[in-house]
Structures are given as structure tokens and as C-alpha cells.
PDB file of all heavy atoms in Angstrom:
ATOM      1  N   LYS A   1     102.579  15.170-130.814  1.00  0.00           N
ATOM      2  CA  LYS A   1     101.635  15.589-129.782  1.00  0.00           C
ATOM      3  C   LYS A   1     102.096  14.980-128.443  1.00  0.00           C
ATOM      4  O   LYS A   1     102.200  13.741-128.291  1.00  0.00           O
ATOM      5  CB  LYS A   1     100.245  15.095-130.189  1.00  0.00           C
ATOM      6  CG  LYS A   1      99.677  15.796-131.410  1.00  0.00           C
ATOM      7  CD  LYS A   1      98.231  15.319-131.676  1.00  0.00           C
ATOM      8  CE  LYS A   1      97.681  15.991-132.888  1.00  0.00           C
ATOM      9  NZ  LYS A   1      96.309  15.562-133.279  1.00  0.00           N
ATOM     10  N   ARG A   2     102.388  15.842-127.535  1.00  0.00           N
ATOM     11  CA  ARG A   2     102.898  15.301-126.250  1.00  0.00           C
ATOM     12  C   ARG A   2     101.832  14.556-125.500  1.00  0.00           C
ATOM     13  O   ARG A   2     100.746  14.869-125.460  1.00  0.00           O
ATOM     14  CB  ARG A   2     103.322  16.570-125.312  1.00  0.00           C
ATOM     15  CG  ARG A   2     103.988  16.208-124.098  1.00  0.00           C
ATOM     16  CD  ARG A   2     104.599  17.441-123.404  1.00  0.00           C
ATOM     17  NE  ARG A   2     105.188  17.138-122.173  1.00  0.00           N
ATOM     18  CZ  ARG A   2     104.703  17.313-120.945  1.00  0.00           C
ATOM     19  NH1 ARG A   2     103.458  17.929-120.952  1.00  0.00           N
ATOM     20  NH2 ARG A   2     105.274  17.101-119.868  1.00  0.00           N
ATOM     21  N   GLY A   3     102.347  13.286-125.028  1.00  0.00           N
ATOM     22  CA  GLY A   3     101.378  12.464-124.264  1.00  0.00           C
ATOM     23  C   GLY A   3     100.429  11.592-124.958  1.00  0.00           C
ATOM     24  O   GLY A   3      99.717  10.881-124.415  1.00  0.00           O
ATOM     25  N   ASN A   4     100.477  11.643-126.266  1.00  0.00           N
ATOM     26  CA  ASN A   4      99.531  10.959-127.129  1.00  0.00           C
ATOM     27  C   ASN A   4     100.218   9.716-127.797  1.00  0.00           C
ATOM     28  O   ASN A   4     100.772   9.829-128.853  1.00  0.00           O
ATOM     29  CB  ASN A   4      98.885  11.832-128.144  1.00  0.00           C
ATOM     30  CG  ASN A   4      97.746  11.147-128.947  1.00  0.00           C
ATOM     31  OD1 ASN A   4      97.694   9.987-129.113  1.00  0.00           O
ATOM     32  ND2 ASN A   4      96.783  11.895-129.354  1.00  0.00           N
ATOM     33  N   TYR A   5     100.142   8.590-127.079  1.00  0.00           N
ATOM     34  CA  TYR A   5     100.919   7.422-127.543  1.00  0.00           C
ATOM     35  C   TYR A   5     100.422   6.892-128.905  1.00  0.00           C
ATOM     36  O   TYR A   5     101.208   6.528-129.766  1.00  0.00           O
ATOM     37  CB  TYR A   5     100.822   6.218-126.496  1.00  0.00           C
ATOM     38  CG  TYR A   5     101.732   5.071-126.807  1.00  0.00           C
ATOM     39  CD1 TYR A   5     103.041   5.080-126.341  1.00  0.00           C
ATOM     40  CD2 TYR A   5     101.270   4.030-127.571  1.00  0.00           C
ATOM     41  CE1 TYR A   5     103.910   4.020-126.642  1.00  0.00           C
ATOM     42  CE2 TYR A   5     102.179   2.996-127.827  1.00  0.00           C
ATOM     43  CZ  TYR A   5     103.426   2.950-127.355  1.00  0.00           C
ATOM     44  OH  TYR A   5     104.269   1.849-127.670  1.00  0.00           O
ATOM     45  N   ALA A   6      99.111   6.861-129.110  1.00  0.00           N
ATOM     46  CA  ALA A   6      98.540   6.399-130.386  1.00  0.00           C
ATOM     47  C   ALA A   6      99.021   7.240-131.494  1.00  0.00           C
ATOM     48  O   ALA A   6      99.324   6.766-132.669  1.00  0.00           O
ATOM     49  CB  ALA A   6      97.036   6.420-130.273  1.00  0.00           C
ATOM     50  N   PHE A   7      99.047   8.587-131.340  1.00  0.00           N
ATOM     51  CA  PHE A   7      99.507   9.476-132.322  1.00  0.00           C
ATOM     52  C   PHE A   7     100.962   9.144-132.711  1.00  0.00           C
ATOM     53  O   PHE A   7     101.382   9.080-133.893  1.00  0.00           O
ATOM     54  CB  PHE A   7      99.388  10.913-131.954  1.00  0.00           C
ATOM     55  CG  PHE A   7     100.066  11.872-132.906  1.00  0.00           C
ATOM     56  CD1 PHE A   7      99.326  12.338-133.991  1.00  0.00           C
ATOM     57  CD2 PHE A   7     101.285  12.431-132.633  1.00  0.00           C
ATOM     58  CE1 PHE A   7      99.853  13.236-134.879  1.00  0.00           C
ATOM     59  CE2 PHE A   7     101.887  13.291-133.557  1.00  0.00           C
ATOM     60  CZ  PHE A   7     101.108  13.777-134.642  1.00  0.00           C
ATOM     61  N   VAL A   8     101.834   8.981-131.690  1.00  0.00           N
ATOM     62  CA  VAL A   8     103.248   8.712-131.934  1.00  0.00           C
ATOM     63  C   VAL A   8     103.421   7.353-132.653  1.00  0.00           C
ATOM     64  O   VAL A   8     104.183   7.266-133.624  1.00  0.00           O
ATOM     65  CB  VAL A   8     104.086   8.752-130.621  1.00  0.00           C
ATOM     66  CG1 VAL A   8     105.487   8.281-130.808  1.00  0.00           C
ATOM     67  CG2 VAL A   8     104.029  10.187-129.961  1.00  0.00           C
ATOM     68  N   GLN A   9     102.637   6.437-132.272  1.00  0.00           N
ATOM     69  CA  GLN A   9     102.655   5.075-132.920  1.00  0.00           C
ATOM     70  C   GLN A   9     102.386   5.193-134.298  1.00  0.00           C
ATOM     71  O   GLN A   9     102.957   4.610-135.254  1.00  0.00           O
ATOM     72  CB  GLN A   9     101.748   4.143-132.137  1.00  0.00           C
ATOM     73  CG  GLN A   9     101.871   2.701-132.606  1.00  0.00           C
ATOM     74  CD  GLN A   9     100.964   1.819-131.790  1.00  0.00           C
ATOM     75  OE1 GLN A   9      99.850   2.160-131.330  1.00  0.00           O
ATOM     76  NE2 GLN A   9     101.373   0.603-131.497  1.00  0.00           N
ATOM     77  N   GLU A  10     101.301   5.935-134.665  1.00  0.00           N
ATOM     78  CA  GLU A  10     100.880   6.118-136.118  1.00  0.00           C
ATOM     79  C   GLU A  10     101.956   6.838-136.943  1.00  0.00           C
ATOM     80  O   GLU A  10     102.176   6.460-138.039  1.00  0.00           O
ATOM     81  CB  GLU A  10      99.555   6.914-136.065  1.00  0.00           C
ATOM     82  CG  GLU A  10      99.160   7.277-137.479  1.00  0.00           C
ATOM     83  CD  GLU A  10      97.950   8.236-137.488  1.00  0.00           C
ATOM     84  OE1 GLU A  10      97.316   8.407-136.398  1.00  0.00           O
ATOM     85  OE2 GLU A  10      97.688   8.874-138.575  1.00  0.00           O
ATOM     86  N   ARG A  11     102.499   7.868-136.232  1.00  0.00           N
ATOM     87  CA  ARG A  11     103.507   8.666-137.067  1.00  0.00           C
ATOM     88  C   ARG A  11     104.842   7.891-137.183  1.00  0.00           C
ATOM     89  O   ARG A  11     105.465   7.973-138.263  1.00  0.00           O
ATOM     90  CB  ARG A  11     103.813   9.957-136.272  1.00  0.00           C
ATOM     91  CG  ARG A  11     102.686  10.913-136.203  1.00  0.00           C
ATOM     92  CD  ARG A  11     102.168  11.341-137.605  1.00  0.00           C
ATOM     93  NE  ARG A  11     101.114  10.478-138.064  1.00  0.00           N
ATOM     94  CZ  ARG A  11     100.616  10.433-139.273  1.00  0.00           C
ATOM     95  NH1 ARG A  11     101.138  11.283-140.178  1.00  0.00           N
ATOM     96  NH2 ARG A  11      99.577   9.737-139.589  1.00  0.00           N
ATOM     97  N   VAL A  12     105.229   7.057-136.281  1.00  0.00           N
ATOM     98  CA  VAL A  12     106.421   6.250-136.399  1.00  0.00           C
ATOM     99  C   VAL A  12     106.195   5.202-137.566  1.00  0.00           C
ATOM    100  O   VAL A  12     107.048   4.995-138.393  1.00  0.00           O
ATOM    101  CB  VAL A  12     106.865   5.591-135.064  1.00  0.00           C
ATOM    102  CG1 VAL A  12     108.051   4.620-135.288  1.00  0.00           C
ATOM    103  CG2 VAL A  12     107.287   6.585-134.139  1.00  0.00           C
ATOM    104  N   ALA A  13     105.033   4.590-137.544  1.00  0.00           N
ATOM    105  CA  ALA A  13     104.664   3.596-138.542  1.00  0.00           C
ATOM    106  C   ALA A  13     104.692   4.255-139.938  1.00  0.00           C
ATOM    107  O   ALA A  13     105.062   3.682-140.958  1.00  0.00           O
ATOM    108  CB  ALA A  13     103.286   2.986-138.324  1.00  0.00           C
ATOM    109  N   TYR A  14     104.287   5.502-140.045  1.00  0.00           N
ATOM    110  CA  TYR A  14     104.253   6.306-141.218  1.00  0.00           C
ATOM    111  C   TYR A  14     105.649   6.435-141.905  1.00  0.00           C
ATOM    112  O   TYR A  14     105.826   6.536-143.152  1.00  0.00           O
ATOM    113  CB  TYR A  14     103.778   7.748-140.902  1.00  0.00           C
ATOM    114  CG  TYR A  14     103.616   8.681-141.961  1.00  0.00           C
ATOM    115  CD1 TYR A  14     102.439   8.699-142.780  1.00  0.00           C
ATOM    116  CD2 TYR A  14     104.581   9.677-142.284  1.00  0.00           C
ATOM    117  CE1 TYR A  14     102.262   9.628-143.825  1.00  0.00           C
ATOM    118  CE2 TYR A  14     104.408  10.640-143.235  1.00  0.00           C
ATOM    119  CZ  TYR A  14     103.161  10.600-144.009  1.00  0.00           C
ATOM    120  OH  TYR A  14     102.974  11.510-145.006  1.00  0.00           O
ATOM    121  N   THR A  15     106.690   6.196-141.131  1.00  0.00           N
ATOM    122  CA  THR A  15     108.087   6.229-141.599  1.00  0.00           C
ATOM    123  C   THR A  15     108.423   5.147-142.532  1.00  0.00           C
ATOM    124  O   THR A  15     109.262   5.199-143.450  1.00  0.00           O
ATOM    125  CB  THR A  15     109.073   6.295-140.435  1.00  0.00           C
ATOM    126  OG1 THR A  15     108.785   7.428-139.631  1.00  0.00           O
ATOM    127  CG2 THR A  15     110.463   6.426-140.930  1.00  0.00           C
ATOM    128  N   PHE A  16     107.735   3.969-142.333  1.00  0.00           N
ATOM    129  CA  PHE A  16     108.114   2.737-143.016  1.00  0.00           C
ATOM    130  C   PHE A  16     106.994   2.344-143.981  1.00  0.00           C
ATOM    131  O   PHE A  16     105.764   2.589-143.782  1.00  0.00           O
ATOM    132  CB  PHE A  16     108.339   1.642-142.032  1.00  0.00           C
ATOM    133  CG  PHE A  16     109.395   2.067-140.956  1.00  0.00           C
ATOM    134  CD1 PHE A  16     109.006   2.382-139.675  1.00  0.00           C
ATOM    135  CD2 PHE A  16     110.728   2.021-141.299  1.00  0.00           C
ATOM    136  CE1 PHE A  16     110.029   2.788-138.802  1.00  0.00           C
ATOM    137  CE2 PHE A  16     111.692   2.387-140.379  1.00  0.00           C
ATOM    138  CZ  PHE A  16     111.332   2.813-139.112  1.00  0.00           C
ATOM    139  N   TYR A  17     107.405   1.471-145.028  1.00  0.00           N
ATOM    140  CA  TYR A  17     106.381   0.797-145.829  1.00  0.00           C
ATOM    141  C   TYR A  17     105.690  -0.236-145.055  1.00  0.00           C
ATOM    142  O   TYR A  17     104.542  -0.436-145.167  1.00  0.00           O
ATOM    143  CB  TYR A  17     107.129   0.223-147.106  1.00  0.00           C
ATOM    144  CG  TYR A  17     106.236  -0.616-147.976  1.00  0.00           C
ATOM    145  CD1 TYR A  17     105.249  -0.018-148.785  1.00  0.00           C
ATOM    146  CD2 TYR A  17     106.370  -2.042-147.865  1.00  0.00           C
ATOM    147  CE1 TYR A  17     104.444  -0.869-149.574  1.00  0.00           C
ATOM    148  CE2 TYR A  17     105.553  -2.848-148.608  1.00  0.00           C
ATOM    149  CZ  TYR A  17     104.598  -2.286-149.474  1.00  0.00           C
ATOM    150  OH  TYR A  17     103.821  -3.075-150.280  1.00  0.00           O
ATOM    151  N   ASP A  18     106.448  -1.019-144.322  1.00  0.00           N
ATOM    152  CA  ASP A  18     105.942  -2.159-143.543  1.00  0.00           C
ATOM    153  C   ASP A  18     105.814  -1.641-142.058  1.00  0.00           C
ATOM    154  O   ASP A  18     106.790  -1.459-141.367  1.00  0.00           O
ATOM    155  CB  ASP A  18     106.924  -3.345-143.569  1.00  0.00           C
ATOM    156  CG  ASP A  18     106.461  -4.493-142.686  1.00  0.00           C
ATOM    157  OD1 ASP A  18     105.359  -4.448-142.049  1.00  0.00           O
ATOM    158  OD2 ASP A  18     107.142  -5.520-142.660  1.00  0.00           O
ATOM    159  N   PRO A  19     104.611  -1.396-141.633  1.00  0.00           N
ATOM    160  CA  PRO A  19     104.415  -0.852-140.251  1.00  0.00           C
ATOM    161  C   PRO A  19     104.971  -1.651-139.165  1.00  0.00           C
ATOM    162  O   PRO A  19     105.252  -1.162-138.081  1.00  0.00           O
ATOM    163  CB  PRO A  19     102.911  -0.777-140.098  1.00  0.00           C
ATOM    164  CG  PRO A  19     102.303  -0.824-141.511  1.00  0.00           C
ATOM    165  CD  PRO A  19     103.337  -1.560-142.301  1.00  0.00           C
ATOM    166  N   SER A  20     105.241  -2.931-139.424  1.00  0.00           N
ATOM    167  CA  SER A  20     105.766  -3.875-138.362  1.00  0.00           C
ATOM    168  C   SER A  20     107.160  -3.484-138.049  1.00  0.00           C
ATOM    169  O   SER A  20     107.669  -3.877-136.991  1.00  0.00           O
ATOM    170  CB  SER A  20     105.694  -5.331-138.793  1.00  0.00           C
ATOM    171  OG  SER A  20     106.568  -5.630-139.821  1.00  0.00           O
ATOM    172  N   VAL A  21     107.877  -2.691-138.916  1.00  0.00           N
ATOM    173  CA  VAL A  21     109.285  -2.261-138.613  1.00  0.00           C
ATOM    174  C   VAL A  21     109.193  -1.278-137.424  1.00  0.00           C
ATOM    175  O   VAL A  21     110.154  -1.121-136.677  1.00  0.00           O
ATOM    176  CB  VAL A  21     109.870  -1.604-139.804  1.00  0.00           C
ATOM    177  CG1 VAL A  21     111.299  -1.066-139.525  1.00  0.00           C
ATOM    178  CG2 VAL A  21     109.915  -2.592-140.952  1.00  0.00           C
ATOM    179  N   ALA A  22     108.059  -0.581-137.244  1.00  0.00           N
ATOM    180  CA  ALA A  22     107.860   0.272-136.036  1.00  0.00           C
ATOM    181  C   ALA A  22     107.575  -0.470-134.858  1.00  0.00           C
ATOM    182  O   ALA A  22     106.443  -0.556-134.398  1.00  0.00           O
ATOM    183  CB  ALA A  22     106.746   1.308-136.355  1.00  0.00           C
ATOM    184  N   THR A  23     108.563  -1.114-134.273  1.00  0.00           N
ATOM    185  CA  THR A  23     108.386  -1.963-133.151  1.00  0.00           C
ATOM    186  C   THR A  23     107.980  -1.198-131.912  1.00  0.00           C
ATOM    187  O   THR A  23     108.148   0.018-131.867  1.00  0.00           O
ATOM    188  CB  THR A  23     109.742  -2.728-132.849  1.00  0.00           C
ATOM    189  OG1 THR A  23     110.724  -1.714-132.497  1.00  0.00           O
ATOM    190  CG2 THR A  23     110.277  -3.554-133.964  1.00  0.00           C
ATOM    191  N   LYS A  24     107.492  -1.908-130.905  1.00  0.00           N
ATOM    192  CA  LYS A  24     107.105  -1.213-129.675  1.00  0.00           C
ATOM    193  C   LYS A  24     108.269  -0.521-129.083  1.00  0.00           C
ATOM    194  O   LYS A  24     108.147   0.647-128.464  1.00  0.00           O
ATOM    195  CB  LYS A  24     106.482  -2.151-128.715  1.00  0.00           C
ATOM    196  CG  LYS A  24     105.978  -1.565-127.433  1.00  0.00           C
ATOM    197  CD  LYS A  24     105.295  -2.560-126.448  1.00  0.00           C
ATOM    198  CE  LYS A  24     104.662  -1.845-125.206  1.00  0.00           C
ATOM    199  NZ  LYS A  24     105.649  -1.035-124.488  1.00  0.00           N
ATOM    200  N   GLU A  25     109.439  -1.207-129.112  1.00  0.00           N
ATOM    201  CA  GLU A  25     110.621  -0.524-128.527  1.00  0.00           C
ATOM    202  C   GLU A  25     110.914   0.822-129.266  1.00  0.00           C
ATOM    203  O   GLU A  25     111.320   1.806-128.540  1.00  0.00           O
ATOM    204  CB  GLU A  25     111.891  -1.455-128.648  1.00  0.00           C
ATOM    205  CG  GLU A  25     113.098  -0.930-128.196  1.00  0.00           C
ATOM    206  CD  GLU A  25     114.290  -1.919-128.431  1.00  0.00           C
ATOM    207  OE1 GLU A  25     114.194  -2.746-129.251  1.00  0.00           O
ATOM    208  OE2 GLU A  25     115.246  -1.703-127.772  1.00  0.00           O
ATOM    209  N   LEU A  26     110.791   0.876-130.551  1.00  0.00           N
ATOM    210  CA  LEU A  26     111.057   2.092-131.274  1.00  0.00           C
ATOM    211  C   LEU A  26     109.985   3.110-130.979  1.00  0.00           C
ATOM    212  O   LEU A  26     110.285   4.329-130.752  1.00  0.00           O
ATOM    213  CB  LEU A  26     111.078   1.746-132.806  1.00  0.00           C
ATOM    214  CG  LEU A  26     111.420   2.908-133.724  1.00  0.00           C
ATOM    215  CD1 LEU A  26     112.812   3.523-133.445  1.00  0.00           C
ATOM    216  CD2 LEU A  26     111.369   2.497-135.177  1.00  0.00           C
ATOM    217  N   VAL A  27     108.713   2.778-130.992  1.00  0.00           N
ATOM    218  CA  VAL A  27     107.694   3.662-130.599  1.00  0.00           C
ATOM    219  C   VAL A  27     107.813   4.271-129.182  1.00  0.00           C
ATOM    220  O   VAL A  27     107.689   5.398-128.970  1.00  0.00           O
ATOM    221  CB  VAL A  27     106.238   3.022-130.771  1.00  0.00           C
ATOM    222  CG1 VAL A  27     105.135   3.931-130.271  1.00  0.00           C
ATOM    223  CG2 VAL A  27     105.984   2.568-132.241  1.00  0.00           C
ATOM    224  N   ASP A  28     108.176   3.325-128.213  1.00  0.00           N
ATOM    225  CA  ASP A  28     108.371   3.795-126.876  1.00  0.00           C
ATOM    226  C   ASP A  28     109.513   4.861-126.829  1.00  0.00           C
ATOM    227  O   ASP A  28     109.368   5.790-125.998  1.00  0.00           O
ATOM    228  CB  ASP A  28     108.753   2.612-126.023  1.00  0.00           C
ATOM    229  CG  ASP A  28     107.523   1.671-125.702  1.00  0.00           C
ATOM    230  OD1 ASP A  28     106.415   2.072-125.996  1.00  0.00           O
ATOM    231  OD2 ASP A  28     107.784   0.555-125.155  1.00  0.00           O
ATOM    232  N   GLU A  29     110.575   4.594-127.563  1.00  0.00           N
ATOM    233  CA  GLU A  29     111.654   5.477-127.526  1.00  0.00           C
ATOM    234  C   GLU A  29     111.255   6.895-128.014  1.00  0.00           C
ATOM    235  O   GLU A  29     111.590   7.916-127.406  1.00  0.00           O
ATOM    236  CB  GLU A  29     112.859   4.940-128.454  1.00  0.00           C
ATOM    237  CG  GLU A  29     114.069   5.782-128.413  1.00  0.00           C
ATOM    238  CD  GLU A  29     115.204   5.189-129.284  1.00  0.00           C
ATOM    239  OE1 GLU A  29     115.112   3.916-129.567  1.00  0.00           O
ATOM    240  OE2 GLU A  29     116.119   5.880-129.717  1.00  0.00           O
ATOM    241  N   VAL A  30     110.536   6.922-129.193  1.00  0.00           N
ATOM    242  CA  VAL A  30     110.012   8.253-129.672  1.00  0.00           C
ATOM    243  C   VAL A  30     109.065   8.920-128.707  1.00  0.00           C
ATOM    244  O   VAL A  30     109.029  10.099-128.508  1.00  0.00           O
ATOM    245  CB  VAL A  30     109.387   8.064-131.043  1.00  0.00           C
ATOM    246  CG1 VAL A  30     108.852   9.426-131.566  1.00  0.00           C
ATOM    247  CG2 VAL A  30     110.473   7.554-132.046  1.00  0.00           C
ATOM    248  N   PHE A  31     108.144   8.057-128.134  1.00  0.00           N
ATOM    249  CA  PHE A  31     107.082   8.531-127.224  1.00  0.00           C
ATOM    250  C   PHE A  31     107.778   9.232-126.052  1.00  0.00           C
ATOM    251  O   PHE A  31     107.411  10.357-125.608  1.00  0.00           O
ATOM    252  CB  PHE A  31     106.190   7.485-126.716  1.00  0.00           C
ATOM    253  CG  PHE A  31     105.266   7.946-125.722  1.00  0.00           C
ATOM    254  CD1 PHE A  31     104.183   8.670-126.056  1.00  0.00           C
ATOM    255  CD2 PHE A  31     105.373   7.489-124.398  1.00  0.00           C
ATOM    256  CE1 PHE A  31     103.202   9.064-125.107  1.00  0.00           C
ATOM    257  CE2 PHE A  31     104.383   7.980-123.431  1.00  0.00           C
ATOM    258  CZ  PHE A  31     103.302   8.731-123.853  1.00  0.00           C
ATOM    259  N   ASN A  32     108.818   8.613-125.424  1.00  0.00           N
ATOM    260  CA  ASN A  32     109.555   9.157-124.231  1.00  0.00           C
ATOM    261  C   ASN A  32     110.152  10.540-124.617  1.00  0.00           C
ATOM    262  O   ASN A  32     110.279  11.445-123.835  1.00  0.00           O
ATOM    263  CB  ASN A  32     110.586   8.170-123.842  1.00  0.00           C
ATOM    264  CG  ASN A  32     109.980   6.996-123.161  1.00  0.00           C
ATOM    265  OD1 ASN A  32     108.909   7.081-122.636  1.00  0.00           O
ATOM    266  ND2 ASN A  32     110.720   5.879-123.105  1.00  0.00           N
ATOM    267  N   VAL A  33     110.669  10.628-125.854  1.00  0.00           N
ATOM    268  CA  VAL A  33     111.311  11.844-126.349  1.00  0.00           C
ATOM    269  C   VAL A  33     110.188  12.982-126.471  1.00  0.00           C
ATOM    270  O   VAL A  33     110.339  14.103-125.892  1.00  0.00           O
ATOM    271  CB  VAL A  33     111.968  11.721-127.741  1.00  0.00           C
ATOM    272  CG1 VAL A  33     112.311  13.073-128.339  1.00  0.00           C
ATOM    273  CG2 VAL A  33     113.225  10.854-127.577  1.00  0.00           C
ATOM    274  N   THR A  34     109.078  12.604-127.092  1.00  0.00           N
ATOM    275  CA  THR A  34     108.068  13.683-127.280  1.00  0.00           C
ATOM    276  C   THR A  34     107.311  13.988-125.999  1.00  0.00           C
ATOM    277  O   THR A  34     106.489  14.983-125.952  1.00  0.00           O
ATOM    278  CB  THR A  34     107.035  13.150-128.338  1.00  0.00           C
ATOM    279  OG1 THR A  34     106.386  11.976-127.873  1.00  0.00           O
ATOM    280  CG2 THR A  34     107.696  12.901-129.688  1.00  0.00           C
TER     281      THR A  34
END
């Protein structure tokens, strides 16, 4: 979903067993793409 940071953060965390692997840097990268 374009422009929805919380959604992107949730979906990136969904990739991992440990949500902490979805660092802010990683979430920011995906958010900028979307």
C-alpha cells in the first residue's frame, strides 16, 4: 500500500520469524520503493 508506513513495517516483519530482523533501515528501504 503506497504511503502506508505501518503496513509496510508489518509486511516486512512478516518475512521473518524474529520481527527484530526487520530493522528500521530495511523497512525504510522497502517503504521508499513502495
